[in-house]
């Protein structure tokens, strides 16, 4: 599987950096920012704060679902 287009985040449980996020869902925060929530493929939950361009690009690429 090509993970180059996936959203990359830090996994708190395994302490790994730049882990591809599976099952990502992008939503808006109360202040208007964007946050992606998902898992690392092993069941460990992850989240990442995104810019508007990166969030909309991930939705357009099909690597994340839109929740707003």
C-alpha atoms as a PDB file:
ATOM      1  CA  UNK A   1       0.000   0.000   0.000  1.00  0.00           C
ATOM      2  CA  UNK A   2       1.332   3.424  -0.942  1.00  0.00           C
ATOM      3  CA  UNK A   3       1.342   5.553   2.211  1.00  0.00           C
ATOM      4  CA  UNK A   4       2.975   8.636   0.683  1.00  0.00           C
ATOM      5  CA  UNK A   5      -0.329  10.570   0.508  1.00  0.00           C
ATOM      6  CA  UNK A   6      -1.499   9.596   4.004  1.00  0.00           C
ATOM      7  CA  UNK A   7      -1.596  12.145   6.819  1.00  0.00           C
ATOM      8  CA  UNK A   8       1.457  11.616   8.995  1.00  0.00           C
ATOM      9  CA  UNK A   9       1.333  12.071  12.773  1.00  0.00           C
ATOM     10  CA  UNK A  10       3.117  11.255  16.023  1.00  0.00           C
ATOM     11  CA  UNK A  11       1.921   8.137  17.850  1.00  0.00           C
ATOM     12  CA  UNK A  12       1.932   8.774  21.603  1.00  0.00           C
ATOM     13  CA  UNK A  13       1.697   5.125  22.580  1.00  0.00           C
ATOM     14  CA  UNK A  14       4.617   3.823  20.499  1.00  0.00           C
ATOM     15  CA  UNK A  15       6.604   7.128  20.476  1.00  0.00           C
ATOM     16  CA  UNK A  16       7.094   6.945  16.676  1.00  0.00           C
ATOM     17  CA  UNK A  17       7.235   9.998  14.416  1.00  0.00           C
ATOM     18  CA  UNK A  18       5.705  10.356  10.925  1.00  0.00           C
ATOM     19  CA  UNK A  19       3.392   7.353  11.223  1.00  0.00           C
ATOM     20  CA  UNK A  20       0.801   7.137   8.394  1.00  0.00           C
ATOM     21  CA  UNK A  21      -2.731   7.678   9.728  1.00  0.00           C
ATOM     22  CA  UNK A  22      -5.337   5.108   8.670  1.00  0.00           C
ATOM     23  CA  UNK A  23      -9.110   5.712   8.812  1.00  0.00           C
ATOM     24  CA  UNK A  24      -8.545   9.468   9.101  1.00  0.00           C
ATOM     25  CA  UNK A  25     -11.484  11.781   9.697  1.00  0.00           C
ATOM     26  CA  UNK A  26     -10.932  15.541   9.319  1.00  0.00           C
ATOM     27  CA  UNK A  27     -13.103  17.856  11.392  1.00  0.00           C
ATOM     28  CA  UNK A  28     -13.117  21.548  12.314  1.00  0.00           C
ATOM     29  CA  UNK A  29     -12.218  22.761  15.776  1.00  0.00           C
ATOM     30  CA  UNK A  30     -14.225  25.345  17.690  1.00  0.00           C
ATOM     31  CA  UNK A  31     -11.743  28.051  16.670  1.00  0.00           C
ATOM     32  CA  UNK A  32     -11.886  27.201  12.952  1.00  0.00           C
ATOM     33  CA  UNK A  33      -8.773  25.029  12.635  1.00  0.00           C
ATOM     34  CA  UNK A  34      -8.643  21.507  11.272  1.00  0.00           C
ATOM     35  CA  UNK A  35      -7.870  18.294  13.149  1.00  0.00           C
ATOM     36  CA  UNK A  36      -7.464  14.771  11.807  1.00  0.00           C
ATOM     37  CA  UNK A  37      -8.273  11.779  14.000  1.00  0.00           C
ATOM     38  CA  UNK A  38      -7.522   8.182  13.099  1.00  0.00           C
ATOM     39  CA  UNK A  39      -5.360   5.198  13.970  1.00  0.00           C
ATOM     40  CA  UNK A  40      -1.974   3.786  13.010  1.00  0.00           C
ATOM     41  CA  UNK A  41      -3.311   0.549  11.542  1.00  0.00           C
ATOM     42  CA  UNK A  42      -2.571  -1.347  14.776  1.00  0.00           C
ATOM     43  CA  UNK A  43      -5.440   0.131  16.770  1.00  0.00           C
ATOM     44  CA  UNK A  44      -3.494   2.952  18.451  1.00  0.00           C
ATOM     45  CA  UNK A  45      -5.415   6.233  18.223  1.00  0.00           C
ATOM     46  CA  UNK A  46      -3.707   9.296  16.751  1.00  0.00           C
ATOM     47  CA  UNK A  47      -4.584  12.902  15.983  1.00  0.00           C
ATOM     48  CA  UNK A  48      -2.906  15.766  14.156  1.00  0.00           C
ATOM     49  CA  UNK A  49      -3.556  19.482  13.743  1.00  0.00           C
ATOM     50  CA  UNK A  50      -3.604  20.424  10.036  1.00  0.00           C
ATOM     51  CA  UNK A  51      -3.561  23.576   7.971  1.00  0.00           C
ATOM     52  CA  UNK A  52      -6.575  24.265   5.771  1.00  0.00           C
ATOM     53  CA  UNK A  53      -4.690  23.399   2.574  1.00  0.00           C
ATOM     54  CA  UNK A  54      -3.389  20.081   3.934  1.00  0.00           C
ATOM     55  CA  UNK A  55      -6.802  19.143   5.337  1.00  0.00           C
ATOM     56  CA  UNK A  56      -8.635  19.854   2.086  1.00  0.00           C
ATOM     57  CA  UNK A  57      -5.909  18.095   0.074  1.00  0.00           C
ATOM     58  CA  UNK A  58      -6.243  14.944   2.207  1.00  0.00           C
ATOM     59  CA  UNK A  59     -10.010  14.967   1.656  1.00  0.00           C
ATOM     60  CA  UNK A  60      -9.588  15.501  -2.097  1.00  0.00           C
ATOM     61  CA  UNK A  61      -7.002  12.687  -2.337  1.00  0.00           C
ATOM     62  CA  UNK A  62      -9.397  10.302  -0.604  1.00  0.00           C
ATOM     63  CA  UNK A  63      -7.091   9.538   2.319  1.00  0.00           C
ATOM     64  CA  UNK A  64      -9.428  11.204   4.832  1.00  0.00           C
ATOM     65  CA  UNK A  65     -13.162  11.627   5.294  1.00  0.00           C
ATOM     66  CA  UNK A  66     -14.849  14.986   5.822  1.00  0.00           C
ATOM     67  CA  UNK A  67     -16.692  15.511   9.132  1.00  0.00           C
ATOM     68  CA  UNK A  68     -17.790  19.139   8.880  1.00  0.00           C
END
